[in-house]
Amino acid sequence: MLKNYLERLLNIFGKSYTPDPNISDKLILSFLFRRGFMMLRGLFRLRKKIFLGKRVNFLNKANLEIGKGCTIDKYSTIDCYASKKVKLGNLVKIGAFSTISTTSHLSKKGIGLIIGNNSAIGEYSYFGCSGGVSIGNDVIMGQYISFHSENHNFSNSKKLIREQGVVSQGIKLGNNIWVGSKVTFLDGCVLDDNIIVAAGAVVRGQFPPNVIIGGVPAKVIKHLND
């Protein structure tokens, strides 16, 4: 009975998977209670039907646009002090202990973040969105992912690096991408659709669709159509 109830709830929130029949009723009850409290917290703090973990910190939340059924898990920080909106599409998940940072320094106002529908990132992840980060639909990411959409200038050897300013090209990820844990995305990288990024990769530059990439720096390992 509980499994049938859980399936109905999953359908309501747009989830297409079927729970494993071997999962115990005790685990299902624990899941439902936790998600129920998160929903109540989301309704209370943001007046929206989202799942909000405990001790989530919002900065300038008036600049946050968030879709239905999103999850922002516990102890995350969402900084929305940016020139553009921080936009989370429907059914987006931000893992616990994650940080969205938009303006990293008062000398330069940050651009912001866009995450498309049904995209999720794991725990302990970092979004450095000063130069703008855009993530498409159906992008799934592991834990300890980091985005750095800004880079320091260093061409003048007679001047301190910290005094030479920064450049920001932004970061863009397409749709249907799987990112392994501990991947780092550097400023200026662009990923097309249907890409797998191997765990531990450091990604810079542009990559075509339908490939597996990995390494430091990341390179094309295999074409998915092969």
N, C-alpha and C. Protein backbone atom coordinates (compact mmCIF):
# COMPACT_ATOMS: atom_id res chain seq x y z
N MET A 1 0.83 -1.22 0.00
CA MET A 1 0.00 0.00 0.00
C MET A 1 0.86 1.26 0.00
N LEU A 2 1.89 1.28 0.86
CA LEU A 2 2.77 2.44 0.91
C LEU A 2 3.48 2.67 -0.42
N LYS A 3 3.88 1.58 -1.07
CA LYS A 3 4.57 1.70 -2.35
C LYS A 3 3.65 2.32 -3.39
N ASN A 4 2.37 1.94 -3.38
CA ASN A 4 1.41 2.53 -4.32
C ASN A 4 1.23 4.02 -4.05
N TYR A 5 1.17 4.37 -2.77
CA TYR A 5 1.03 5.79 -2.39
C TYR A 5 2.26 6.57 -2.84
N LEU A 6 3.44 5.98 -2.64
CA LEU A 6 4.67 6.64 -3.06
C LEU A 6 4.71 6.83 -4.57
N GLU A 7 4.29 5.83 -5.32
CA GLU A 7 4.25 5.95 -6.77
C GLU A 7 3.34 7.08 -7.22
N ARG A 8 2.18 7.22 -6.58
CA ARG A 8 1.27 8.30 -6.94
C ARG A 8 1.90 9.66 -6.67
N LEU A 9 2.59 9.78 -5.52
CA LEU A 9 3.27 11.05 -5.21
C LEU A 9 4.37 11.36 -6.22
N LEU A 10 5.12 10.34 -6.60
CA LEU A 10 6.17 10.54 -7.59
C LEU A 10 5.59 11.02 -8.91
N ASN A 11 4.47 10.47 -9.31
CA ASN A 11 3.82 10.89 -10.56
C ASN A 11 3.35 12.34 -10.47
N ILE A 12 2.83 12.72 -9.31
CA ILE A 12 2.37 14.10 -9.11
C ILE A 12 3.51 15.09 -9.32
N PHE A 13 4.69 14.72 -8.83
CA PHE A 13 5.84 15.61 -8.93
C PHE A 13 6.70 15.34 -10.17
N GLY A 14 6.15 14.61 -11.13
CA GLY A 14 6.81 14.45 -12.42
C GLY A 14 7.95 13.46 -12.44
N LYS A 15 8.06 12.60 -11.44
CA LYS A 15 9.12 11.58 -11.42
C LYS A 15 8.62 10.32 -12.13
N SER A 16 9.45 9.78 -13.01
CA SER A 16 8.99 8.68 -13.86
C SER A 16 9.46 7.30 -13.38
N TYR A 17 10.31 7.26 -12.35
CA TYR A 17 10.83 5.95 -11.95
C TYR A 17 9.86 5.20 -11.04
N THR A 18 10.04 3.87 -10.98
CA THR A 18 9.23 3.00 -10.11
C THR A 18 10.08 2.56 -8.93
N PRO A 19 9.58 2.69 -7.70
CA PRO A 19 10.36 2.27 -6.52
C PRO A 19 10.69 0.78 -6.57
N ASP A 20 11.86 0.43 -6.10
CA ASP A 20 12.29 -0.97 -6.02
C ASP A 20 11.34 -1.73 -5.10
N PRO A 21 10.80 -2.86 -5.54
CA PRO A 21 9.85 -3.62 -4.70
C PRO A 21 10.48 -4.18 -3.43
N ASN A 22 11.81 -4.22 -3.35
CA ASN A 22 12.49 -4.73 -2.17
C ASN A 22 12.69 -3.68 -1.07
N ILE A 23 12.33 -2.44 -1.37
CA ILE A 23 12.47 -1.38 -0.36
C ILE A 23 11.43 -1.58 0.74
N SER A 24 11.86 -1.45 1.99
CA SER A 24 10.97 -1.70 3.12
C SER A 24 10.01 -0.53 3.35
N ASP A 25 8.87 -0.83 3.98
CA ASP A 25 7.92 0.22 4.33
C ASP A 25 8.54 1.22 5.30
N LYS A 26 9.44 0.75 6.15
CA LYS A 26 10.10 1.64 7.11
C LYS A 26 10.90 2.72 6.39
N LEU A 27 11.61 2.32 5.36
CA LEU A 27 12.39 3.28 4.59
C LEU A 27 11.48 4.25 3.85
N ILE A 28 10.39 3.75 3.30
CA ILE A 28 9.44 4.63 2.60
C ILE A 28 8.85 5.65 3.57
N LEU A 29 8.46 5.20 4.76
CA LEU A 29 7.91 6.14 5.76
C LEU A 29 8.93 7.21 6.14
N SER A 30 10.17 6.79 6.33
CA SER A 30 11.22 7.74 6.66
C SER A 30 11.39 8.79 5.56
N PHE A 31 11.36 8.32 4.29
CA PHE A 31 11.48 9.21 3.15
C PHE A 31 10.31 10.19 3.09
N LEU A 32 9.09 9.69 3.29
CA LEU A 32 7.90 10.53 3.20
C LEU A 32 7.87 11.59 4.30
N PHE A 33 8.25 11.20 5.52
CA PHE A 33 8.28 12.17 6.61
C PHE A 33 9.30 13.26 6.35
N ARG A 34 10.48 12.86 5.90
CA ARG A 34 11.53 13.85 5.65
C ARG A 34 11.13 14.81 4.53
N ARG A 35 10.59 14.26 3.45
CA ARG A 35 10.17 15.12 2.34
C ARG A 35 8.98 15.99 2.72
N GLY A 36 8.11 15.46 3.58
CA GLY A 36 6.99 16.25 4.04
C GLY A 36 7.43 17.47 4.83
N PHE A 37 8.38 17.28 5.73
CA PHE A 37 8.91 18.41 6.50
C PHE A 37 9.62 19.41 5.60
N MET A 38 10.33 18.90 4.58
CA MET A 38 11.01 19.79 3.64
C MET A 38 10.00 20.62 2.85
N MET A 39 8.89 20.00 2.46
CA MET A 39 7.84 20.73 1.75
C MET A 39 7.24 21.83 2.62
N LEU A 40 6.96 21.50 3.88
CA LEU A 40 6.42 22.51 4.80
C LEU A 40 7.39 23.67 4.97
N ARG A 41 8.67 23.36 5.05
CA ARG A 41 9.68 24.40 5.19
C ARG A 41 9.72 25.30 3.96
N GLY A 42 9.59 24.69 2.77
CA GLY A 42 9.56 25.47 1.54
C GLY A 42 8.35 26.37 1.44
N LEU A 43 7.19 25.85 1.86
CA LEU A 43 5.96 26.67 1.85
C LEU A 43 6.07 27.84 2.82
N PHE A 44 6.67 27.58 3.97
CA PHE A 44 6.79 28.62 5.00
C PHE A 44 7.78 29.70 4.60
N ARG A 45 8.94 29.30 4.08
CA ARG A 45 10.00 30.28 3.84
C ARG A 45 9.90 30.96 2.47
N LEU A 46 9.45 30.23 1.44
CA LEU A 46 9.42 30.80 0.10
C LEU A 46 8.03 30.88 -0.49
N ARG A 47 7.03 30.35 0.23
CA ARG A 47 5.65 30.32 -0.26
C ARG A 47 5.54 29.56 -1.58
N LYS A 48 6.36 28.52 -1.72
CA LYS A 48 6.36 27.73 -2.94
C LYS A 48 6.37 26.25 -2.60
N LYS A 49 5.85 25.42 -3.51
CA LYS A 49 5.83 23.98 -3.31
C LYS A 49 7.17 23.39 -3.72
N ILE A 50 8.17 23.64 -2.88
CA ILE A 50 9.50 23.08 -3.09
C ILE A 50 9.93 22.36 -1.83
N PHE A 51 10.98 21.58 -1.94
CA PHE A 51 11.52 20.82 -0.80
C PHE A 51 12.77 21.52 -0.30
N LEU A 52 12.70 22.04 0.90
CA LEU A 52 13.77 22.86 1.44
C LEU A 52 14.37 22.21 2.69
N GLY A 53 15.68 21.95 2.65
CA GLY A 53 16.36 21.37 3.79
C GLY A 53 16.57 22.38 4.90
N LYS A 54 17.02 21.87 6.04
CA LYS A 54 17.24 22.76 7.18
C LYS A 54 18.49 23.61 6.98
N ARG A 55 18.45 24.79 7.57
CA ARG A 55 19.58 25.73 7.58
C ARG A 55 20.04 26.13 6.18
N VAL A 56 19.11 26.25 5.24
CA VAL A 56 19.46 26.79 3.92
C VAL A 56 19.47 28.31 4.03
N ASN A 57 20.53 28.93 3.53
CA ASN A 57 20.71 30.37 3.65
C ASN A 57 20.50 31.04 2.29
N PHE A 58 19.54 31.97 2.22
CA PHE A 58 19.28 32.73 1.00
C PHE A 58 19.78 34.16 1.17
N LEU A 59 20.50 34.66 0.15
CA LEU A 59 20.93 36.05 0.12
C LEU A 59 20.24 36.72 -1.07
N ASN A 60 19.50 37.79 -0.79
CA ASN A 60 18.75 38.51 -1.83
C ASN A 60 17.80 37.58 -2.58
N LYS A 61 16.96 36.88 -1.82
CA LYS A 61 16.08 35.87 -2.44
C LYS A 61 15.03 36.48 -3.37
N ALA A 62 14.87 37.80 -3.34
CA ALA A 62 13.95 38.45 -4.29
C ALA A 62 14.44 38.27 -5.72
N ASN A 63 15.73 37.98 -5.88
CA ASN A 63 16.30 37.80 -7.22
C ASN A 63 16.38 36.32 -7.61
N LEU A 64 15.66 35.47 -6.86
CA LEU A 64 15.63 34.04 -7.13
C LEU A 64 14.32 33.67 -7.82
N GLU A 65 14.44 32.93 -8.92
CA GLU A 65 13.26 32.40 -9.63
C GLU A 65 13.34 30.88 -9.58
N ILE A 66 12.39 30.25 -8.95
CA ILE A 66 12.50 28.81 -8.70
C ILE A 66 11.23 28.09 -9.16
N GLY A 67 11.42 26.98 -9.88
CA GLY A 67 10.30 26.24 -10.44
C GLY A 67 9.68 25.27 -9.44
N LYS A 68 8.68 24.56 -9.89
CA LYS A 68 7.93 23.67 -9.00
C LYS A 68 8.72 22.39 -8.70
N GLY A 69 8.52 21.88 -7.52
CA GLY A 69 9.09 20.60 -7.14
C GLY A 69 10.59 20.56 -6.95
N CYS A 70 11.22 21.72 -6.84
CA CYS A 70 12.68 21.77 -6.66
C CYS A 70 13.07 21.30 -5.26
N THR A 71 14.30 20.85 -5.13
CA THR A 71 14.86 20.48 -3.84
C THR A 71 16.15 21.26 -3.61
N ILE A 72 16.22 21.97 -2.49
CA ILE A 72 17.48 22.58 -2.05
C ILE A 72 17.78 21.96 -0.70
N ASP A 73 18.79 21.12 -0.66
CA ASP A 73 19.01 20.32 0.54
C ASP A 73 19.77 21.10 1.61
N LYS A 74 19.90 20.49 2.76
CA LYS A 74 20.34 21.14 3.99
C LYS A 74 21.71 21.82 3.89
N TYR A 75 21.82 22.90 4.66
CA TYR A 75 23.08 23.64 4.84
C TYR A 75 23.66 24.18 3.55
N SER A 76 22.81 24.48 2.58
CA SER A 76 23.27 25.11 1.34
C SER A 76 23.12 26.62 1.44
N THR A 77 23.93 27.33 0.65
CA THR A 77 23.85 28.79 0.57
C THR A 77 23.55 29.20 -0.86
N ILE A 78 22.51 30.02 -1.03
CA ILE A 78 22.10 30.49 -2.35
C ILE A 78 22.24 32.01 -2.39
N ASP A 79 23.30 32.49 -3.02
CA ASP A 79 23.58 33.92 -3.13
C ASP A 79 22.99 34.44 -4.44
N CYS A 80 22.03 35.34 -4.35
CA CYS A 80 21.35 35.86 -5.54
C CYS A 80 21.70 37.32 -5.82
N TYR A 81 22.79 37.83 -5.28
CA TYR A 81 23.23 39.19 -5.57
C TYR A 81 23.93 39.21 -6.92
N ALA A 82 23.15 39.22 -7.99
CA ALA A 82 23.68 39.17 -9.35
C ALA A 82 22.94 40.14 -10.25
N SER A 83 23.54 40.44 -11.40
CA SER A 83 22.91 41.38 -12.34
C SER A 83 21.72 40.75 -13.04
N LYS A 84 21.69 39.41 -13.12
CA LYS A 84 20.56 38.69 -13.68
C LYS A 84 19.97 37.77 -12.62
N LYS A 85 18.83 37.20 -12.91
CA LYS A 85 18.17 36.30 -11.97
C LYS A 85 18.96 35.01 -11.79
N VAL A 86 18.86 34.45 -10.60
CA VAL A 86 19.26 33.07 -10.38
C VAL A 86 18.01 32.23 -10.64
N LYS A 87 18.04 31.42 -11.71
CA LYS A 87 16.85 30.70 -12.15
C LYS A 87 17.04 29.19 -12.03
N LEU A 88 16.18 28.56 -11.27
CA LEU A 88 16.16 27.11 -11.14
C LEU A 88 14.87 26.61 -11.77
N GLY A 89 14.97 25.74 -12.77
CA GLY A 89 13.78 25.24 -13.45
C GLY A 89 13.01 24.25 -12.60
N ASN A 90 12.04 23.59 -13.19
CA ASN A 90 11.23 22.61 -12.46
C ASN A 90 12.05 21.37 -12.10
N LEU A 91 11.82 20.86 -10.89
CA LEU A 91 12.40 19.60 -10.42
C LEU A 91 13.94 19.63 -10.39
N VAL A 92 14.50 20.80 -10.17
CA VAL A 92 15.95 20.93 -9.99
C VAL A 92 16.31 20.50 -8.57
N LYS A 93 17.46 19.86 -8.41
CA LYS A 93 17.94 19.50 -7.08
C LYS A 93 19.34 20.05 -6.85
N ILE A 94 19.51 20.74 -5.72
CA ILE A 94 20.82 21.19 -5.26
C ILE A 94 21.17 20.38 -4.02
N GLY A 95 22.27 19.62 -4.07
CA GLY A 95 22.64 18.74 -2.98
C GLY A 95 23.04 19.48 -1.72
N ALA A 96 23.02 18.76 -0.61
CA ALA A 96 23.34 19.33 0.69
C ALA A 96 24.76 19.92 0.73
N PHE A 97 24.94 20.95 1.54
CA PHE A 97 26.24 21.59 1.77
C PHE A 97 26.81 22.22 0.49
N SER A 98 25.95 22.64 -0.41
CA SER A 98 26.40 23.27 -1.66
C SER A 98 26.29 24.78 -1.56
N THR A 99 27.05 25.47 -2.44
CA THR A 99 27.07 26.94 -2.43
C THR A 99 26.89 27.47 -3.84
N ILE A 100 25.96 28.41 -3.98
CA ILE A 100 25.84 29.20 -5.21
C ILE A 100 26.35 30.59 -4.89
N SER A 101 27.46 30.99 -5.51
CA SER A 101 28.07 32.30 -5.28
C SER A 101 28.00 33.09 -6.57
N THR A 102 27.44 34.30 -6.52
CA THR A 102 27.30 35.09 -7.75
C THR A 102 28.28 36.26 -7.82
N THR A 103 28.28 37.12 -6.83
CA THR A 103 29.24 38.23 -6.81
C THR A 103 30.37 37.88 -5.84
N SER A 104 31.52 37.56 -6.39
CA SER A 104 32.64 37.10 -5.55
C SER A 104 33.44 38.26 -4.97
N HIS A 105 33.36 39.45 -5.62
CA HIS A 105 34.13 40.60 -5.15
C HIS A 105 33.35 41.87 -5.46
N LEU A 106 33.44 42.86 -4.57
CA LEU A 106 32.66 44.09 -4.74
C LEU A 106 33.13 44.92 -5.93
N SER A 107 34.27 44.59 -6.50
CA SER A 107 34.77 45.33 -7.66
C SER A 107 34.05 44.94 -8.95
N LYS A 108 33.30 43.84 -8.93
CA LYS A 108 32.65 43.37 -10.16
C LYS A 108 31.40 42.58 -9.80
N LYS A 109 30.25 43.13 -10.18
CA LYS A 109 28.99 42.44 -9.90
C LYS A 109 28.87 41.20 -10.78
N GLY A 110 28.47 40.08 -10.15
CA GLY A 110 28.35 38.83 -10.88
C GLY A 110 27.14 38.77 -11.78
N ILE A 111 27.13 37.78 -12.68
CA ILE A 111 26.07 37.67 -13.69
C ILE A 111 24.92 36.78 -13.22
N GLY A 112 25.20 35.57 -12.72
CA GLY A 112 24.11 34.74 -12.22
C GLY A 112 24.15 33.31 -12.75
N LEU A 113 23.05 32.59 -12.51
CA LEU A 113 22.97 31.16 -12.78
C LEU A 113 21.62 30.79 -13.36
N ILE A 114 21.64 29.88 -14.35
CA ILE A 114 20.42 29.28 -14.89
C ILE A 114 20.59 27.76 -14.89
N ILE A 115 19.64 27.04 -14.31
CA ILE A 115 19.64 25.58 -14.37
C ILE A 115 18.30 25.14 -14.94
N GLY A 116 18.33 24.28 -15.96
CA GLY A 116 17.11 23.85 -16.63
C GLY A 116 16.34 22.78 -15.87
N ASN A 117 15.25 22.35 -16.45
CA ASN A 117 14.36 21.38 -15.81
C ASN A 117 15.03 20.01 -15.61
N ASN A 118 14.67 19.36 -14.50
CA ASN A 118 15.09 17.97 -14.22
C ASN A 118 16.61 17.81 -14.11
N SER A 119 17.30 18.86 -13.72
CA SER A 119 18.75 18.78 -13.55
C SER A 119 19.08 18.74 -12.07
N ALA A 120 20.16 18.04 -11.72
CA ALA A 120 20.49 17.84 -10.31
C ALA A 120 22.00 17.81 -10.12
N ILE A 121 22.44 18.31 -8.97
CA ILE A 121 23.86 18.30 -8.62
C ILE A 121 24.01 17.75 -7.21
N GLY A 122 25.07 16.97 -6.98
CA GLY A 122 25.25 16.29 -5.71
C GLY A 122 25.76 17.19 -4.59
N GLU A 123 26.01 16.57 -3.45
CA GLU A 123 26.40 17.27 -2.24
C GLU A 123 27.78 17.94 -2.38
N TYR A 124 28.01 18.96 -1.57
CA TYR A 124 29.29 19.65 -1.46
C TYR A 124 29.76 20.23 -2.79
N SER A 125 28.85 20.79 -3.54
CA SER A 125 29.19 21.37 -4.84
C SER A 125 29.25 22.89 -4.75
N TYR A 126 29.95 23.49 -5.72
CA TYR A 126 30.18 24.94 -5.69
C TYR A 126 29.92 25.54 -7.07
N PHE A 127 29.07 26.55 -7.10
CA PHE A 127 28.79 27.29 -8.33
C PHE A 127 29.42 28.69 -8.19
N GLY A 128 30.53 28.92 -8.88
CA GLY A 128 31.09 30.27 -8.95
C GLY A 128 30.53 30.95 -10.17
N CYS A 129 29.50 31.79 -9.98
CA CYS A 129 28.70 32.29 -11.10
C CYS A 129 28.97 33.76 -11.44
N SER A 130 30.16 34.25 -11.08
CA SER A 130 30.48 35.66 -11.37
C SER A 130 30.40 35.96 -12.86
N GLY A 131 30.88 35.03 -13.68
CA GLY A 131 30.85 35.24 -15.13
C GLY A 131 29.64 34.62 -15.81
N GLY A 132 28.75 34.05 -15.02
CA GLY A 132 27.54 33.43 -15.56
C GLY A 132 27.71 31.94 -15.80
N VAL A 133 26.79 31.15 -15.28
CA VAL A 133 26.77 29.71 -15.51
C VAL A 133 25.38 29.32 -16.01
N SER A 134 25.35 28.58 -17.12
CA SER A 134 24.09 28.13 -17.71
C SER A 134 24.14 26.61 -17.87
N ILE A 135 23.16 25.91 -17.30
CA ILE A 135 23.08 24.46 -17.35
C ILE A 135 21.73 24.08 -17.94
N GLY A 136 21.73 23.16 -18.89
CA GLY A 136 20.51 22.81 -19.60
C GLY A 136 19.59 21.88 -18.84
N ASN A 137 18.72 21.21 -19.58
CA ASN A 137 17.76 20.26 -19.01
C ASN A 137 18.37 18.86 -18.88
N ASP A 138 17.90 18.12 -17.89
CA ASP A 138 18.26 16.71 -17.72
C ASP A 138 19.77 16.50 -17.59
N VAL A 139 20.40 17.37 -16.81
CA VAL A 139 21.82 17.25 -16.52
C VAL A 139 21.98 16.67 -15.11
N ILE A 140 22.66 15.55 -14.98
CA ILE A 140 22.84 14.92 -13.68
C ILE A 140 24.32 14.95 -13.30
N MET A 141 24.59 15.35 -12.06
CA MET A 141 25.97 15.55 -11.62
C MET A 141 26.20 14.90 -10.26
N GLY A 142 27.40 14.40 -10.06
CA GLY A 142 27.75 13.77 -8.80
C GLY A 142 28.10 14.79 -7.73
N GLN A 143 28.86 14.35 -6.73
CA GLN A 143 29.23 15.19 -5.60
C GLN A 143 30.52 15.96 -5.91
N TYR A 144 30.73 17.04 -5.15
CA TYR A 144 31.97 17.83 -5.22
C TYR A 144 32.24 18.39 -6.61
N ILE A 145 31.19 18.85 -7.29
CA ILE A 145 31.35 19.50 -8.59
C ILE A 145 31.63 20.98 -8.35
N SER A 146 32.49 21.58 -9.18
CA SER A 146 32.74 23.02 -9.02
C SER A 146 32.76 23.73 -10.37
N PHE A 147 32.19 24.93 -10.38
CA PHE A 147 32.15 25.80 -11.55
C PHE A 147 32.91 27.09 -11.22
N HIS A 148 33.81 27.51 -12.11
CA HIS A 148 34.60 28.72 -11.89
C HIS A 148 34.53 29.57 -13.16
N SER A 149 33.54 30.46 -13.21
CA SER A 149 33.27 31.22 -14.43
C SER A 149 34.00 32.56 -14.45
N GLU A 150 35.20 32.56 -13.93
CA GLU A 150 36.01 33.78 -13.87
C GLU A 150 37.47 33.35 -13.82
N ASN A 151 38.35 34.16 -14.41
CA ASN A 151 39.76 33.82 -14.43
C ASN A 151 40.59 35.08 -14.21
N HIS A 152 41.71 34.94 -13.50
CA HIS A 152 42.57 36.08 -13.22
C HIS A 152 43.48 36.40 -14.41
N ASN A 153 43.66 37.68 -14.69
CA ASN A 153 44.66 38.12 -15.65
C ASN A 153 46.04 38.03 -14.99
N PHE A 154 47.06 37.68 -15.79
CA PHE A 154 48.41 37.55 -15.21
C PHE A 154 49.51 37.89 -16.21
N SER A 155 49.17 38.56 -17.31
CA SER A 155 50.14 38.81 -18.40
C SER A 155 51.21 39.83 -18.03
N ASN A 156 50.90 40.73 -17.10
CA ASN A 156 51.86 41.79 -16.72
C ASN A 156 52.74 41.28 -15.57
N SER A 157 53.97 40.91 -15.88
CA SER A 157 54.86 40.34 -14.87
C SER A 157 55.34 41.37 -13.86
N LYS A 158 55.14 42.65 -14.16
CA LYS A 158 55.59 43.72 -13.26
C LYS A 158 54.50 44.13 -12.27
N LYS A 159 53.38 43.46 -12.33
CA LYS A 159 52.24 43.81 -11.48
C LYS A 159 51.74 42.56 -10.76
N LEU A 160 51.29 42.74 -9.53
CA LEU A 160 50.75 41.62 -8.79
C LEU A 160 49.53 41.03 -9.52
N ILE A 161 49.42 39.70 -9.51
CA ILE A 161 48.29 39.06 -10.18
C ILE A 161 46.96 39.55 -9.62
N ARG A 162 46.89 39.72 -8.31
CA ARG A 162 45.63 40.15 -7.70
C ARG A 162 45.24 41.56 -8.08
N GLU A 163 46.16 42.32 -8.68
CA GLU A 163 45.87 43.70 -9.08
C GLU A 163 45.58 43.83 -10.58
N GLN A 164 45.59 42.72 -11.31
CA GLN A 164 45.43 42.77 -12.76
C GLN A 164 43.99 42.52 -13.22
N GLY A 165 43.09 42.33 -12.28
CA GLY A 165 41.69 42.15 -12.65
C GLY A 165 41.38 40.75 -13.14
N VAL A 166 40.17 40.58 -13.61
CA VAL A 166 39.69 39.26 -14.03
C VAL A 166 39.02 39.34 -15.40
N VAL A 167 38.87 38.19 -16.00
CA VAL A 167 38.12 38.06 -17.24
C VAL A 167 37.04 37.01 -17.03
N SER A 168 35.88 37.22 -17.63
CA SER A 168 34.76 36.28 -17.45
C SER A 168 34.12 35.99 -18.79
N GLN A 169 34.22 34.73 -19.22
CA GLN A 169 33.54 34.32 -20.44
C GLN A 169 32.26 33.54 -20.15
N GLY A 170 32.18 33.00 -18.96
CA GLY A 170 31.01 32.21 -18.59
C GLY A 170 31.19 30.74 -18.91
N ILE A 171 30.26 29.93 -18.40
CA ILE A 171 30.27 28.48 -18.58
C ILE A 171 28.89 28.06 -19.08
N LYS A 172 28.86 27.18 -20.08
CA LYS A 172 27.58 26.73 -20.61
C LYS A 172 27.59 25.23 -20.81
N LEU A 173 26.60 24.55 -20.22
CA LEU A 173 26.40 23.11 -20.41
C LEU A 173 25.06 22.91 -21.11
N GLY A 174 25.03 22.01 -22.09
CA GLY A 174 23.79 21.74 -22.83
C GLY A 174 22.86 20.81 -22.09
N ASN A 175 22.11 20.01 -22.85
CA ASN A 175 21.11 19.11 -22.28
C ASN A 175 21.61 17.66 -22.24
N ASN A 176 21.03 16.87 -21.35
CA ASN A 176 21.30 15.44 -21.27
C ASN A 176 22.79 15.15 -21.10
N ILE A 177 23.34 15.63 -19.99
CA ILE A 177 24.75 15.45 -19.67
C ILE A 177 24.88 14.74 -18.33
N TRP A 178 25.81 13.80 -18.26
CA TRP A 178 26.11 13.10 -17.00
C TRP A 178 27.52 13.49 -16.59
N VAL A 179 27.64 14.06 -15.39
CA VAL A 179 28.92 14.54 -14.88
C VAL A 179 29.30 13.70 -13.66
N GLY A 180 30.44 13.03 -13.71
CA GLY A 180 30.92 12.26 -12.58
C GLY A 180 31.36 13.15 -11.42
N SER A 181 31.64 12.55 -10.29
CA SER A 181 32.00 13.32 -9.11
C SER A 181 33.36 14.01 -9.27
N LYS A 182 33.54 15.10 -8.53
CA LYS A 182 34.80 15.85 -8.43
C LYS A 182 35.28 16.40 -9.77
N VAL A 183 34.34 16.82 -10.60
CA VAL A 183 34.68 17.48 -11.87
C VAL A 183 34.76 18.99 -11.66
N THR A 184 35.74 19.62 -12.30
CA THR A 184 35.91 21.07 -12.23
C THR A 184 35.68 21.67 -13.62
N PHE A 185 34.77 22.65 -13.71
CA PHE A 185 34.51 23.38 -14.95
C PHE A 185 35.16 24.76 -14.86
N LEU A 186 36.01 25.09 -15.84
CA LEU A 186 36.72 26.37 -15.83
C LEU A 186 36.05 27.37 -16.77
N ASP A 187 36.34 28.64 -16.53
CA ASP A 187 35.75 29.72 -17.31
C ASP A 187 35.96 29.52 -18.81
N GLY A 188 34.91 29.75 -19.56
CA GLY A 188 34.97 29.66 -21.02
C GLY A 188 34.60 28.32 -21.59
N CYS A 189 34.38 27.29 -20.74
CA CYS A 189 34.06 25.97 -21.30
C CYS A 189 32.61 25.91 -21.77
N VAL A 190 32.42 25.21 -22.88
CA VAL A 190 31.09 25.04 -23.48
C VAL A 190 30.92 23.57 -23.83
N LEU A 191 29.88 22.94 -23.31
CA LEU A 191 29.56 21.55 -23.63
C LEU A 191 28.25 21.48 -24.39
N ASP A 192 28.26 20.80 -25.50
CA ASP A 192 27.03 20.60 -26.28
C ASP A 192 26.17 19.52 -25.61
N ASP A 193 25.14 19.04 -26.27
CA ASP A 193 24.22 18.05 -25.71
C ASP A 193 24.81 16.63 -25.72
N ASN A 194 24.26 15.77 -24.87
CA ASN A 194 24.55 14.34 -24.88
C ASN A 194 26.04 14.05 -24.65
N ILE A 195 26.53 14.45 -23.49
CA ILE A 195 27.94 14.28 -23.16
C ILE A 195 28.07 13.61 -21.80
N ILE A 196 29.08 12.75 -21.65
CA ILE A 196 29.44 12.17 -20.37
C ILE A 196 30.80 12.72 -19.97
N VAL A 197 30.90 13.22 -18.73
CA VAL A 197 32.16 13.76 -18.23
C VAL A 197 32.68 12.83 -17.13
N ALA A 198 33.85 12.25 -17.35
CA ALA A 198 34.41 11.29 -16.40
C ALA A 198 34.76 11.96 -15.07
N ALA A 199 34.66 11.21 -14.00
CA ALA A 199 34.96 11.72 -12.67
C ALA A 199 36.38 12.28 -12.60
N GLY A 200 36.53 13.40 -11.90
CA GLY A 200 37.83 13.99 -11.68
C GLY A 200 38.36 14.85 -12.82
N ALA A 201 37.59 15.02 -13.89
CA ALA A 201 38.05 15.80 -15.04
C ALA A 201 38.13 17.29 -14.71
N VAL A 202 39.05 17.97 -15.39
CA VAL A 202 39.12 19.43 -15.35
C VAL A 202 38.78 19.91 -16.76
N VAL A 203 37.65 20.58 -16.89
CA VAL A 203 37.07 20.86 -18.20
C VAL A 203 37.29 22.31 -18.59
N ARG A 204 37.91 22.50 -19.75
CA ARG A 204 38.05 23.83 -20.34
C ARG A 204 37.90 23.69 -21.85
N GLY A 205 37.56 24.77 -22.53
CA GLY A 205 37.38 24.72 -23.98
C GLY A 205 35.99 24.24 -24.36
N GLN A 206 35.81 23.92 -25.65
CA GLN A 206 34.51 23.55 -26.19
C GLN A 206 34.52 22.08 -26.63
N PHE A 207 33.36 21.43 -26.44
CA PHE A 207 33.23 20.02 -26.78
C PHE A 207 31.96 19.78 -27.58
N PRO A 208 32.05 18.94 -28.62
CA PRO A 208 30.89 18.66 -29.48
C PRO A 208 29.92 17.71 -28.80
N PRO A 209 28.74 17.49 -29.37
CA PRO A 209 27.76 16.56 -28.78
C PRO A 209 28.20 15.11 -28.92
N ASN A 210 27.57 14.25 -28.13
CA ASN A 210 27.69 12.79 -28.26
C ASN A 210 29.12 12.27 -28.04
N VAL A 211 29.76 12.76 -26.96
CA VAL A 211 31.12 12.29 -26.66
C VAL A 211 31.26 12.00 -25.17
N ILE A 212 32.28 11.19 -24.85
CA ILE A 212 32.72 11.00 -23.48
C ILE A 212 34.04 11.75 -23.33
N ILE A 213 34.15 12.61 -22.31
CA ILE A 213 35.38 13.36 -22.10
C ILE A 213 35.92 13.07 -20.71
N GLY A 214 37.24 13.21 -20.55
CA GLY A 214 37.85 12.99 -19.25
C GLY A 214 39.30 13.39 -19.27
N GLY A 215 39.91 13.50 -18.08
CA GLY A 215 41.32 13.82 -17.97
C GLY A 215 41.56 15.22 -17.47
N VAL A 216 42.85 15.56 -17.32
CA VAL A 216 43.29 16.88 -16.83
C VAL A 216 44.36 17.41 -17.78
N PRO A 217 44.04 18.33 -18.68
CA PRO A 217 42.69 18.84 -18.95
C PRO A 217 41.86 17.80 -19.72
N ALA A 218 40.56 17.97 -19.70
CA ALA A 218 39.66 17.00 -20.33
C ALA A 218 39.85 16.96 -21.85
N LYS A 219 39.79 15.75 -22.39
CA LYS A 219 39.85 15.53 -23.84
C LYS A 219 38.77 14.51 -24.22
N VAL A 220 38.46 14.45 -25.50
CA VAL A 220 37.49 13.47 -25.97
C VAL A 220 38.11 12.08 -25.88
N ILE A 221 37.43 11.18 -25.15
CA ILE A 221 37.88 9.80 -24.99
C ILE A 221 37.22 8.88 -26.00
N LYS A 222 35.93 9.14 -26.23
CA LYS A 222 35.16 8.26 -27.09
C LYS A 222 33.95 8.99 -27.63
N HIS A 223 33.53 8.62 -28.82
CA HIS A 223 32.28 9.13 -29.40
C HIS A 223 31.17 8.15 -29.07
N LEU A 224 30.05 8.66 -28.58
CA LEU A 224 28.96 7.80 -28.13
C LEU A 224 28.32 7.04 -29.29
N ASN A 225 28.47 7.53 -30.51
CA ASN A 225 27.87 6.86 -31.65
C ASN A 225 28.73 5.72 -32.18
N ASP A 226 29.95 5.57 -31.66
CA ASP A 226 30.85 4.51 -32.16
C ASP A 226 30.37 3.13 -31.73
